[in-house]
Amino acid sequence: MLCRAISLLAALVAVILLFELGRTARTSAARLQPYSYLPMLKPGAILEAHNKYRLWSGVPNLTWSDELAASAQNWSDKCIFEHSYGQYGENLVLGTFNTMGEILYGMSLWTIEMCWYDFDAPGFNETTGHYTQVVWKDTQMVGCGYRTCKSVSGFSGQCDGCGVVTCHYSPPGNYLSATLFRLNVLKPIKSWCPGAT
């Protein structure tokens, strides 16, 4: 229980640091263009980040889909930090991103949710749904979009110049069935939880 509390605290601190890092390092060019696509997404880096966790989970690599990327970009362009509830699986992250590395760090917050997933009682949980979508065995493709927004709907905090990253997945994961979770969310061979050995 103490480990889970420490892990949750670490994730919360990471989110706060991500916002502060972006706020203090915001470039003047981004200030002049509040609706921008900077930084540019790098599909290879996104695939590498996803597939690292999928490898550790014993599931096949994802491939990049331009169709999914266009769909995800369309959602990010709306500057809404809420799920679209469309035909694809979906993960979102919000932050003040200046580099691709910061975007990848934001995405890594999805996979830290593995620390709270109960592999002995598989099923959907809002606390772990980002992680389970990333490693869902039957998912084959991913595509992501990014947009810096002057304001973001669906977010109650202060976030001038925040970016919305959307990733869409196909086939989607997170079907509400314990059997499908048991078949698609496998216990990883390597734990990436803080303090794990």
N, C-alpha and C. Protein backbone atom coordinates (compact mmCIF):
# COMPACT_ATOMS: atom_id res chain seq x y z
N MET A 1 0.83 -1.19 0.00
CA MET A 1 0.00 0.00 0.00
C MET A 1 0.88 1.25 0.00
N LEU A 2 1.97 1.22 0.78
CA LEU A 2 2.88 2.35 0.84
C LEU A 2 3.53 2.58 -0.53
N CYS A 3 3.89 1.47 -1.22
CA CYS A 3 4.50 1.59 -2.55
C CYS A 3 3.53 2.26 -3.53
N ARG A 4 2.24 1.88 -3.46
CA ARG A 4 1.26 2.49 -4.36
C ARG A 4 1.11 3.97 -4.06
N ALA A 5 1.11 4.34 -2.80
CA ALA A 5 0.98 5.75 -2.42
C ALA A 5 2.19 6.54 -2.92
N ILE A 6 3.38 5.96 -2.77
CA ILE A 6 4.61 6.61 -3.25
C ILE A 6 4.58 6.74 -4.76
N SER A 7 4.13 5.69 -5.46
CA SER A 7 4.04 5.72 -6.91
C SER A 7 3.06 6.77 -7.38
N LEU A 8 1.91 6.86 -6.72
CA LEU A 8 0.91 7.87 -7.08
C LEU A 8 1.46 9.27 -6.86
N LEU A 9 2.17 9.46 -5.75
CA LEU A 9 2.78 10.75 -5.46
C LEU A 9 3.83 11.09 -6.52
N ALA A 10 4.62 10.10 -6.93
CA ALA A 10 5.65 10.33 -7.95
C ALA A 10 5.01 10.74 -9.27
N ALA A 11 3.90 10.09 -9.64
CA ALA A 11 3.21 10.45 -10.88
C ALA A 11 2.65 11.86 -10.80
N LEU A 12 2.09 12.23 -9.65
CA LEU A 12 1.53 13.56 -9.47
C LEU A 12 2.63 14.62 -9.57
N VAL A 13 3.76 14.37 -8.93
CA VAL A 13 4.90 15.29 -8.99
C VAL A 13 5.38 15.42 -10.44
N ALA A 14 5.40 14.31 -11.17
CA ALA A 14 5.83 14.34 -12.57
C ALA A 14 4.92 15.22 -13.41
N VAL A 15 3.61 15.13 -13.19
CA VAL A 15 2.67 15.96 -13.94
C VAL A 15 2.90 17.44 -13.62
N ILE A 16 3.07 17.76 -12.35
CA ILE A 16 3.30 19.15 -11.95
C ILE A 16 4.59 19.67 -12.56
N LEU A 17 5.65 18.86 -12.53
CA LEU A 17 6.92 19.27 -13.12
C LEU A 17 6.79 19.49 -14.62
N LEU A 18 6.01 18.65 -15.29
CA LEU A 18 5.82 18.79 -16.72
C LEU A 18 5.18 20.14 -17.05
N PHE A 19 4.15 20.53 -16.29
CA PHE A 19 3.51 21.82 -16.51
C PHE A 19 4.47 22.96 -16.21
N GLU A 20 5.22 22.89 -15.11
CA GLU A 20 6.13 23.97 -14.73
C GLU A 20 7.28 24.08 -15.71
N LEU A 21 7.83 22.95 -16.14
CA LEU A 21 8.93 22.95 -17.10
C LEU A 21 8.50 23.66 -18.39
N GLY A 22 7.34 23.31 -18.89
CA GLY A 22 6.85 23.94 -20.11
C GLY A 22 6.53 25.41 -19.92
N ARG A 23 5.99 25.76 -18.76
CA ARG A 23 5.61 27.15 -18.51
C ARG A 23 6.85 28.04 -18.48
N THR A 24 7.94 27.58 -17.86
CA THR A 24 9.13 28.42 -17.73
C THR A 24 9.99 28.40 -18.98
N ALA A 25 9.84 27.38 -19.81
CA ALA A 25 10.70 27.27 -20.99
C ALA A 25 9.98 27.61 -22.29
N ARG A 26 8.77 28.12 -22.23
CA ARG A 26 7.99 28.43 -23.43
C ARG A 26 8.76 29.39 -24.33
N THR A 27 8.90 29.07 -25.59
CA THR A 27 9.64 29.93 -26.51
C THR A 27 8.78 31.10 -26.97
N SER A 28 9.45 32.19 -27.39
CA SER A 28 8.70 33.36 -27.85
C SER A 28 7.93 33.04 -29.13
N ALA A 29 8.45 32.16 -29.97
CA ALA A 29 7.73 31.80 -31.20
C ALA A 29 6.41 31.13 -30.86
N ALA A 30 6.41 30.27 -29.87
CA ALA A 30 5.17 29.60 -29.48
C ALA A 30 4.18 30.61 -28.90
N ARG A 31 4.69 31.64 -28.20
CA ARG A 31 3.80 32.68 -27.66
C ARG A 31 3.12 33.46 -28.79
N LEU A 32 3.87 33.67 -29.88
CA LEU A 32 3.31 34.42 -30.99
C LEU A 32 2.29 33.61 -31.78
N GLN A 33 2.39 32.28 -31.72
CA GLN A 33 1.48 31.41 -32.44
C GLN A 33 0.80 30.47 -31.45
N PRO A 34 -0.24 30.94 -30.75
CA PRO A 34 -0.86 30.11 -29.73
C PRO A 34 -1.54 28.87 -30.29
N TYR A 35 -1.86 28.86 -31.57
CA TYR A 35 -2.43 27.66 -32.19
C TYR A 35 -1.37 27.09 -33.11
N SER A 36 -0.48 26.30 -32.59
CA SER A 36 0.63 25.81 -33.40
C SER A 36 0.74 24.30 -33.29
N TYR A 37 1.60 23.76 -34.14
CA TYR A 37 1.88 22.33 -34.13
C TYR A 37 3.28 22.06 -33.60
N LEU A 38 3.90 23.06 -32.97
CA LEU A 38 5.25 22.89 -32.44
C LEU A 38 5.17 22.29 -31.05
N PRO A 39 5.98 21.34 -30.70
CA PRO A 39 6.97 20.68 -31.54
C PRO A 39 6.31 19.67 -32.49
N MET A 40 7.02 19.35 -33.55
CA MET A 40 6.50 18.38 -34.51
C MET A 40 6.56 16.98 -33.91
N LEU A 41 5.50 16.22 -34.13
CA LEU A 41 5.50 14.83 -33.67
C LEU A 41 6.41 14.00 -34.56
N LYS A 42 7.10 13.05 -33.95
CA LYS A 42 7.98 12.16 -34.69
C LYS A 42 7.42 10.74 -34.55
N PRO A 43 6.78 10.23 -35.62
CA PRO A 43 6.16 8.91 -35.53
C PRO A 43 7.11 7.81 -35.05
N GLY A 44 8.36 7.85 -35.51
CA GLY A 44 9.31 6.82 -35.10
C GLY A 44 9.55 6.81 -33.60
N ALA A 45 9.65 8.00 -33.01
CA ALA A 45 9.86 8.10 -31.56
C ALA A 45 8.63 7.62 -30.79
N ILE A 46 7.45 7.95 -31.31
CA ILE A 46 6.21 7.50 -30.65
C ILE A 46 6.10 5.99 -30.71
N LEU A 47 6.39 5.41 -31.87
CA LEU A 47 6.35 3.94 -32.00
C LEU A 47 7.36 3.28 -31.07
N GLU A 48 8.57 3.82 -31.03
CA GLU A 48 9.60 3.26 -30.16
C GLU A 48 9.16 3.27 -28.70
N ALA A 49 8.56 4.38 -28.27
CA ALA A 49 8.10 4.49 -26.89
C ALA A 49 6.99 3.47 -26.60
N HIS A 50 6.01 3.38 -27.49
CA HIS A 50 4.93 2.41 -27.30
C HIS A 50 5.47 0.97 -27.31
N ASN A 51 6.31 0.68 -28.30
CA ASN A 51 6.74 -0.70 -28.50
C ASN A 51 7.70 -1.19 -27.43
N LYS A 52 8.39 -0.28 -26.75
CA LYS A 52 9.23 -0.68 -25.62
C LYS A 52 8.37 -1.35 -24.55
N TYR A 53 7.26 -0.71 -24.21
CA TYR A 53 6.38 -1.26 -23.17
C TYR A 53 5.64 -2.49 -23.67
N ARG A 54 5.33 -2.53 -24.95
CA ARG A 54 4.67 -3.72 -25.51
C ARG A 54 5.64 -4.90 -25.52
N LEU A 55 6.91 -4.67 -25.82
CA LEU A 55 7.91 -5.73 -25.77
C LEU A 55 8.00 -6.30 -24.37
N TRP A 56 8.09 -5.43 -23.38
CA TRP A 56 8.17 -5.88 -21.99
C TRP A 56 6.90 -6.60 -21.56
N SER A 57 5.80 -6.36 -22.27
CA SER A 57 4.53 -7.02 -21.95
C SER A 57 4.31 -8.27 -22.80
N GLY A 58 5.25 -8.58 -23.69
CA GLY A 58 5.16 -9.80 -24.48
C GLY A 58 4.10 -9.75 -25.57
N VAL A 59 3.84 -8.55 -26.11
CA VAL A 59 2.84 -8.42 -27.18
C VAL A 59 3.49 -7.82 -28.42
N PRO A 60 2.90 -8.03 -29.61
CA PRO A 60 3.52 -7.56 -30.85
C PRO A 60 3.63 -6.03 -30.93
N ASN A 61 4.60 -5.59 -31.72
CA ASN A 61 4.81 -4.16 -31.96
C ASN A 61 3.62 -3.54 -32.69
N LEU A 62 3.42 -2.27 -32.45
CA LEU A 62 2.46 -1.48 -33.22
C LEU A 62 3.13 -0.95 -34.48
N THR A 63 2.33 -0.63 -35.48
CA THR A 63 2.81 0.09 -36.66
C THR A 63 2.11 1.44 -36.70
N TRP A 64 2.72 2.39 -37.41
CA TRP A 64 2.15 3.73 -37.53
C TRP A 64 1.07 3.74 -38.60
N SER A 65 -0.01 4.43 -38.34
CA SER A 65 -1.10 4.58 -39.30
C SER A 65 -1.34 6.06 -39.57
N ASP A 66 -1.17 6.47 -40.83
CA ASP A 66 -1.46 7.86 -41.19
C ASP A 66 -2.94 8.18 -41.02
N GLU A 67 -3.80 7.19 -41.26
CA GLU A 67 -5.24 7.40 -41.08
C GLU A 67 -5.57 7.69 -39.61
N LEU A 68 -4.98 6.91 -38.71
CA LEU A 68 -5.19 7.15 -37.28
C LEU A 68 -4.58 8.48 -36.86
N ALA A 69 -3.42 8.81 -37.42
CA ALA A 69 -2.78 10.09 -37.09
C ALA A 69 -3.65 11.26 -37.53
N ALA A 70 -4.28 11.16 -38.70
CA ALA A 70 -5.17 12.22 -39.17
C ALA A 70 -6.39 12.35 -38.26
N SER A 71 -6.93 11.22 -37.83
CA SER A 71 -8.08 11.24 -36.92
C SER A 71 -7.69 11.85 -35.57
N ALA A 72 -6.52 11.46 -35.06
CA ALA A 72 -6.04 12.00 -33.78
C ALA A 72 -5.75 13.49 -33.91
N GLN A 73 -5.16 13.89 -35.03
CA GLN A 73 -4.87 15.31 -35.24
C GLN A 73 -6.16 16.12 -35.28
N ASN A 74 -7.17 15.58 -35.93
CA ASN A 74 -8.47 16.25 -36.00
C ASN A 74 -9.02 16.50 -34.60
N TRP A 75 -8.85 15.52 -33.70
CA TRP A 75 -9.35 15.70 -32.33
C TRP A 75 -8.49 16.71 -31.56
N SER A 76 -7.17 16.62 -31.69
CA SER A 76 -6.29 17.59 -31.01
C SER A 76 -6.57 19.01 -31.48
N ASP A 77 -6.88 19.18 -32.76
CA ASP A 77 -7.16 20.51 -33.31
C ASP A 77 -8.37 21.17 -32.66
N LYS A 78 -9.25 20.39 -32.06
CA LYS A 78 -10.43 20.95 -31.40
C LYS A 78 -10.10 21.54 -30.03
N CYS A 79 -8.89 21.26 -29.52
CA CYS A 79 -8.45 21.78 -28.21
C CYS A 79 -9.43 21.38 -27.10
N ILE A 80 -9.80 20.11 -27.10
CA ILE A 80 -10.69 19.56 -26.09
C ILE A 80 -9.94 18.46 -25.35
N PHE A 81 -9.87 18.58 -24.03
CA PHE A 81 -9.21 17.55 -23.23
C PHE A 81 -10.26 16.61 -22.62
N GLU A 82 -10.96 15.95 -23.51
CA GLU A 82 -11.95 14.93 -23.16
C GLU A 82 -11.91 13.88 -24.26
N HIS A 83 -12.32 12.67 -23.94
CA HIS A 83 -12.32 11.62 -24.96
C HIS A 83 -13.37 11.90 -26.02
N SER A 84 -13.04 11.51 -27.26
CA SER A 84 -13.94 11.73 -28.39
C SER A 84 -15.02 10.66 -28.48
N TYR A 85 -14.78 9.52 -27.88
CA TYR A 85 -15.71 8.38 -27.93
C TYR A 85 -16.02 7.99 -29.37
N GLY A 86 -14.99 7.97 -30.19
CA GLY A 86 -15.12 7.57 -31.59
C GLY A 86 -14.89 6.08 -31.75
N GLN A 87 -14.54 5.70 -32.97
CA GLN A 87 -14.40 4.28 -33.31
C GLN A 87 -13.05 3.68 -32.91
N TYR A 88 -12.11 4.51 -32.47
CA TYR A 88 -10.77 4.03 -32.15
C TYR A 88 -10.53 4.05 -30.64
N GLY A 89 -9.55 3.27 -30.21
CA GLY A 89 -9.05 3.45 -28.85
C GLY A 89 -8.37 4.80 -28.79
N GLU A 90 -8.28 5.37 -27.59
CA GLU A 90 -7.78 6.75 -27.52
C GLU A 90 -7.09 7.02 -26.18
N ASN A 91 -5.94 7.66 -26.25
CA ASN A 91 -5.26 8.20 -25.08
C ASN A 91 -4.99 9.68 -25.33
N LEU A 92 -5.11 10.47 -24.26
CA LEU A 92 -4.87 11.91 -24.32
C LEU A 92 -3.87 12.30 -23.25
N VAL A 93 -3.07 13.31 -23.54
CA VAL A 93 -2.23 13.91 -22.51
C VAL A 93 -2.18 15.41 -22.79
N LEU A 94 -2.18 16.18 -21.71
CA LEU A 94 -2.20 17.64 -21.78
C LEU A 94 -0.98 18.17 -21.06
N GLY A 95 -0.30 19.14 -21.65
CA GLY A 95 0.85 19.74 -20.98
C GLY A 95 1.42 20.88 -21.81
N THR A 96 2.42 21.54 -21.27
CA THR A 96 3.12 22.58 -22.01
C THR A 96 4.39 21.97 -22.56
N PHE A 97 4.32 21.52 -23.80
CA PHE A 97 5.39 20.77 -24.43
C PHE A 97 6.20 21.66 -25.36
N ASN A 98 7.52 21.66 -25.19
CA ASN A 98 8.41 22.41 -26.06
C ASN A 98 9.25 21.52 -26.96
N THR A 99 9.36 20.25 -26.59
CA THR A 99 10.19 19.32 -27.35
C THR A 99 9.46 17.99 -27.49
N MET A 100 9.93 17.19 -28.43
CA MET A 100 9.38 15.84 -28.58
C MET A 100 9.66 15.02 -27.33
N GLY A 101 10.80 15.25 -26.70
CA GLY A 101 11.13 14.54 -25.46
C GLY A 101 10.11 14.80 -24.37
N GLU A 102 9.63 16.04 -24.28
CA GLU A 102 8.61 16.36 -23.27
C GLU A 102 7.28 15.67 -23.59
N ILE A 103 6.96 15.57 -24.88
CA ILE A 103 5.75 14.85 -25.27
C ILE A 103 5.88 13.38 -24.90
N LEU A 104 7.03 12.78 -25.17
CA LEU A 104 7.24 11.38 -24.81
C LEU A 104 7.17 11.18 -23.31
N TYR A 105 7.67 12.14 -22.55
CA TYR A 105 7.56 12.05 -21.09
C TYR A 105 6.08 12.08 -20.68
N GLY A 106 5.31 12.96 -21.29
CA GLY A 106 3.87 13.00 -21.01
C GLY A 106 3.21 11.67 -21.32
N MET A 107 3.59 11.06 -22.44
CA MET A 107 3.03 9.76 -22.81
C MET A 107 3.45 8.67 -21.82
N SER A 108 4.63 8.81 -21.24
CA SER A 108 5.09 7.78 -20.29
C SER A 108 4.20 7.74 -19.05
N LEU A 109 3.49 8.83 -18.78
CA LEU A 109 2.56 8.83 -17.64
C LEU A 109 1.43 7.83 -17.85
N TRP A 110 1.13 7.52 -19.13
CA TRP A 110 0.12 6.49 -19.40
C TRP A 110 0.59 5.13 -18.90
N THR A 111 1.85 4.82 -19.17
CA THR A 111 2.32 3.47 -18.87
C THR A 111 2.67 3.28 -17.40
N ILE A 112 2.91 4.35 -16.65
CA ILE A 112 3.17 4.20 -15.21
C ILE A 112 1.93 3.66 -14.51
N GLU A 113 0.77 3.76 -15.16
CA GLU A 113 -0.46 3.22 -14.59
C GLU A 113 -0.39 1.72 -14.37
N MET A 114 0.57 1.06 -15.03
CA MET A 114 0.76 -0.38 -14.83
C MET A 114 0.94 -0.70 -13.35
N CYS A 115 1.51 0.23 -12.60
CA CYS A 115 1.78 0.01 -11.18
C CYS A 115 0.50 -0.18 -10.37
N TRP A 116 -0.64 0.25 -10.91
CA TRP A 116 -1.91 0.13 -10.19
C TRP A 116 -2.83 -0.91 -10.79
N TYR A 117 -2.40 -1.54 -11.89
CA TYR A 117 -3.26 -2.55 -12.54
C TYR A 117 -3.18 -3.85 -11.77
N ASP A 118 -4.33 -4.46 -11.52
CA ASP A 118 -4.40 -5.73 -10.78
C ASP A 118 -4.47 -6.88 -11.79
N PHE A 119 -3.34 -7.50 -12.05
CA PHE A 119 -3.28 -8.60 -13.01
C PHE A 119 -4.03 -9.83 -12.51
N ASP A 120 -4.27 -9.93 -11.21
CA ASP A 120 -5.02 -11.06 -10.65
C ASP A 120 -6.53 -10.86 -10.77
N ALA A 121 -6.98 -9.66 -11.05
CA ALA A 121 -8.41 -9.37 -11.24
C ALA A 121 -8.55 -8.46 -12.45
N PRO A 122 -8.31 -9.01 -13.67
CA PRO A 122 -8.28 -8.18 -14.87
C PRO A 122 -9.63 -7.54 -15.18
N GLY A 123 -9.55 -6.33 -15.72
CA GLY A 123 -10.75 -5.61 -16.11
C GLY A 123 -10.44 -4.14 -16.26
N PHE A 124 -11.42 -3.40 -16.76
CA PHE A 124 -11.22 -1.97 -16.99
C PHE A 124 -11.29 -1.20 -15.68
N ASN A 125 -10.41 -0.22 -15.57
CA ASN A 125 -10.39 0.68 -14.43
C ASN A 125 -9.94 2.04 -14.98
N GLU A 126 -10.64 3.10 -14.63
CA GLU A 126 -10.28 4.42 -15.15
C GLU A 126 -8.87 4.85 -14.75
N THR A 127 -8.36 4.30 -13.67
CA THR A 127 -7.02 4.63 -13.20
C THR A 127 -5.94 4.02 -14.10
N THR A 128 -6.27 2.94 -14.80
CA THR A 128 -5.26 2.22 -15.57
C THR A 128 -5.59 2.10 -17.06
N GLY A 129 -6.63 2.77 -17.52
CA GLY A 129 -7.10 2.61 -18.89
C GLY A 129 -6.13 3.07 -19.97
N HIS A 130 -5.29 4.07 -19.67
CA HIS A 130 -4.28 4.49 -20.66
C HIS A 130 -3.26 3.37 -20.87
N TYR A 131 -2.78 2.84 -19.75
CA TYR A 131 -1.79 1.75 -19.81
C TYR A 131 -2.35 0.55 -20.57
N THR A 132 -3.57 0.12 -20.22
CA THR A 132 -4.11 -1.08 -20.84
C THR A 132 -4.31 -0.89 -22.35
N GLN A 133 -4.61 0.33 -22.79
CA GLN A 133 -4.72 0.57 -24.24
C GLN A 133 -3.36 0.48 -24.90
N VAL A 134 -2.32 1.03 -24.29
CA VAL A 134 -0.98 0.98 -24.89
C VAL A 134 -0.52 -0.46 -25.10
N VAL A 135 -0.78 -1.35 -24.14
CA VAL A 135 -0.26 -2.72 -24.22
C VAL A 135 -1.31 -3.74 -24.68
N TRP A 136 -2.49 -3.31 -25.08
CA TRP A 136 -3.56 -4.22 -25.51
C TRP A 136 -3.04 -5.09 -26.66
N LYS A 137 -3.00 -6.39 -26.45
CA LYS A 137 -2.35 -7.32 -27.38
C LYS A 137 -2.92 -7.25 -28.79
N ASP A 138 -4.24 -7.18 -28.94
CA ASP A 138 -4.86 -7.21 -30.26
C ASP A 138 -4.76 -5.89 -31.03
N THR A 139 -4.36 -4.81 -30.36
CA THR A 139 -4.17 -3.54 -31.06
C THR A 139 -2.95 -3.66 -31.97
N GLN A 140 -3.08 -3.18 -33.20
CA GLN A 140 -2.00 -3.33 -34.19
C GLN A 140 -1.41 -2.00 -34.66
N MET A 141 -2.19 -0.92 -34.59
CA MET A 141 -1.74 0.35 -35.18
C MET A 141 -2.00 1.51 -34.23
N VAL A 142 -1.18 2.54 -34.37
CA VAL A 142 -1.34 3.78 -33.61
C VAL A 142 -1.06 4.96 -34.53
N GLY A 143 -1.69 6.07 -34.25
CA GLY A 143 -1.41 7.33 -34.92
C GLY A 143 -1.74 8.45 -33.95
N CYS A 144 -0.92 9.49 -33.91
CA CYS A 144 -1.08 10.54 -32.91
C CYS A 144 -1.09 11.92 -33.56
N GLY A 145 -1.70 12.87 -32.87
CA GLY A 145 -1.74 14.26 -33.30
C GLY A 145 -1.46 15.18 -32.12
N TYR A 146 -1.03 16.40 -32.42
CA TYR A 146 -0.66 17.37 -31.38
C TYR A 146 -1.08 18.77 -31.80
N ARG A 147 -1.54 19.54 -30.84
CA ARG A 147 -1.88 20.94 -31.10
C ARG A 147 -1.65 21.77 -29.84
N THR A 148 -0.95 22.89 -29.96
CA THR A 148 -0.86 23.87 -28.88
C THR A 148 -2.09 24.75 -28.98
N CYS A 149 -2.74 24.99 -27.85
CA CYS A 149 -4.02 25.70 -27.84
C CYS A 149 -3.96 26.94 -26.96
N LYS A 150 -4.67 27.98 -27.37
CA LYS A 150 -4.77 29.18 -26.55
C LYS A 150 -5.55 28.88 -25.28
N SER A 151 -6.59 28.07 -25.41
CA SER A 151 -7.35 27.60 -24.25
C SER A 151 -7.81 26.18 -24.56
N VAL A 152 -8.09 25.43 -23.50
CA VAL A 152 -8.46 24.02 -23.65
C VAL A 152 -9.79 23.77 -22.96
N SER A 153 -10.75 23.27 -23.70
CA SER A 153 -12.04 22.89 -23.14
C SER A 153 -11.88 21.55 -22.42
N GLY A 154 -12.59 21.38 -21.32
CA GLY A 154 -12.52 20.12 -20.58
C GLY A 154 -11.43 20.08 -19.53
N PHE A 155 -10.71 21.20 -19.36
CA PHE A 155 -9.65 21.28 -18.36
C PHE A 155 -9.94 22.50 -17.49
N SER A 156 -10.10 22.28 -16.20
CA SER A 156 -10.53 23.37 -15.32
C SER A 156 -9.38 24.24 -14.82
N GLY A 157 -8.14 23.80 -15.01
CA GLY A 157 -7.00 24.56 -14.51
C GLY A 157 -6.55 25.64 -15.48
N GLN A 158 -5.54 26.38 -15.07
CA GLN A 158 -4.91 27.41 -15.91
C GLN A 158 -3.91 26.73 -16.83
N CYS A 159 -4.04 26.93 -18.11
CA CYS A 159 -3.15 26.24 -19.03
C CYS A 159 -3.00 27.02 -20.33
N ASP A 160 -2.51 28.25 -20.23
CA ASP A 160 -2.31 29.07 -21.42
C ASP A 160 -1.19 28.46 -22.26
N GLY A 161 -1.48 28.13 -23.48
CA GLY A 161 -0.48 27.54 -24.37
C GLY A 161 -0.24 26.07 -24.15
N CYS A 162 -1.19 25.38 -23.53
CA CYS A 162 -1.04 23.93 -23.35
C CYS A 162 -1.19 23.22 -24.68
N GLY A 163 -0.58 22.07 -24.76
CA GLY A 163 -0.73 21.23 -25.93
C GLY A 163 -1.56 20.00 -25.60
N VAL A 164 -2.38 19.60 -26.57
CA VAL A 164 -3.18 18.38 -26.44
C VAL A 164 -2.58 17.34 -27.38
N VAL A 165 -2.14 16.22 -26.81
CA VAL A 165 -1.67 15.09 -27.60
C VAL A 165 -2.77 14.04 -27.57
N THR A 166 -3.15 13.58 -28.75
CA THR A 166 -4.15 12.51 -28.88
C THR A 166 -3.51 11.37 -29.64
N CYS A 167 -3.65 10.15 -29.14
CA CYS A 167 -3.24 8.96 -29.88
C CYS A 167 -4.47 8.09 -30.09
N HIS A 168 -4.66 7.64 -31.32
CA HIS A 168 -5.74 6.72 -31.65
C HIS A 168 -5.16 5.35 -31.97
N TYR A 169 -5.90 4.31 -31.58
CA TYR A 169 -5.44 2.93 -31.67
C TYR A 169 -6.47 2.08 -32.41
N SER A 170 -5.97 1.14 -33.23
CA SER A 170 -6.86 0.22 -33.93
C SER A 170 -6.19 -1.15 -34.05
N PRO A 171 -6.97 -2.20 -33.86
CA PRO A 171 -8.29 -2.22 -33.25
C PRO A 171 -8.22 -1.66 -31.82
N PRO A 172 -9.32 -1.07 -31.36
CA PRO A 172 -9.30 -0.48 -30.02
C PRO A 172 -9.19 -1.54 -28.93
N GLY A 173 -8.72 -1.12 -27.78
CA GLY A 173 -8.65 -2.00 -26.62
C GLY A 173 -9.68 -1.61 -25.58
N ASN A 174 -9.46 -2.12 -24.38
CA ASN A 174 -10.30 -1.77 -23.22
C ASN A 174 -11.76 -2.18 -23.37
N TYR A 175 -11.98 -3.34 -23.99
CA TYR A 175 -13.34 -3.88 -24.03
C TYR A 175 -13.75 -4.30 -22.63
N LEU A 176 -14.98 -4.04 -22.27
CA LEU A 176 -15.44 -4.29 -20.90
C LEU A 176 -15.75 -5.77 -20.70
N SER A 177 -14.71 -6.57 -20.67
CA SER A 177 -14.82 -8.01 -20.49
C SER A 177 -13.57 -8.50 -19.76
N ALA A 178 -13.76 -9.12 -18.61
CA ALA A 178 -12.61 -9.64 -17.86
C ALA A 178 -11.83 -10.64 -18.69
N THR A 179 -12.53 -11.45 -19.48
CA THR A 179 -11.86 -12.44 -20.32
C THR A 179 -10.97 -11.75 -21.35
N LEU A 180 -11.48 -10.72 -22.01
CA LEU A 180 -10.66 -10.01 -23.00
C LEU A 180 -9.48 -9.30 -22.35
N PHE A 181 -9.66 -8.77 -21.16
CA PHE A 181 -8.53 -8.16 -20.45
C PHE A 181 -7.49 -9.22 -20.12
N ARG A 182 -7.92 -10.39 -19.69
CA ARG A 182 -6.99 -11.47 -19.34
C ARG A 182 -6.18 -11.87 -20.58
N LEU A 183 -6.81 -11.89 -21.75
CA LEU A 183 -6.14 -12.30 -22.98
C LEU A 183 -5.26 -11.19 -23.57
N ASN A 184 -5.57 -9.94 -23.29
CA ASN A 184 -4.90 -8.82 -23.97
C ASN A 184 -3.97 -7.98 -23.11
N VAL A 185 -4.11 -8.04 -21.81
CA VAL A 185 -3.23 -7.26 -20.92
C VAL A 185 -2.42 -8.27 -20.11
N LEU A 186 -1.24 -8.58 -20.62
CA LEU A 186 -0.40 -9.62 -20.02
C LEU A 186 0.54 -9.01 -18.99
N LYS A 187 0.84 -9.80 -17.98
CA LYS A 187 1.77 -9.32 -16.94
C LYS A 187 3.14 -9.13 -17.58
N PRO A 188 3.73 -7.95 -17.42
CA PRO A 188 5.01 -7.68 -18.08
C PRO A 188 6.16 -8.50 -17.50
N ILE A 189 7.14 -8.77 -18.36
CA ILE A 189 8.32 -9.50 -17.91
C ILE A 189 9.27 -8.57 -17.16
N LYS A 190 9.06 -7.26 -17.32
CA LYS A 190 9.88 -6.26 -16.63
C LYS A 190 8.95 -5.20 -16.06
N SER A 191 9.11 -4.90 -14.78
CA SER A 191 8.30 -3.86 -14.16
C SER A 191 9.01 -2.52 -14.28
N TRP A 192 8.26 -1.49 -14.59
CA TRP A 192 8.84 -0.15 -14.65
C TRP A 192 8.28 0.74 -13.55
N CYS A 193 7.71 0.11 -12.52
CA CYS A 193 7.21 0.87 -11.37
C CYS A 193 8.38 1.42 -10.56
N PRO A 194 8.23 2.62 -10.00
CA PRO A 194 9.29 3.16 -9.14
C PRO A 194 9.60 2.20 -8.00
N GLY A 195 10.85 1.92 -7.80
CA GLY A 195 11.27 1.04 -6.72
C GLY A 195 11.22 -0.44 -7.05
N ALA A 196 10.75 -0.82 -8.26
CA ALA A 196 10.67 -2.23 -8.64
C ALA A 196 12.06 -2.75 -8.97
N THR A 197 12.25 -4.03 -8.74
CA THR A 197 13.54 -4.64 -9.07
C THR A 197 13.38 -5.66 -10.16
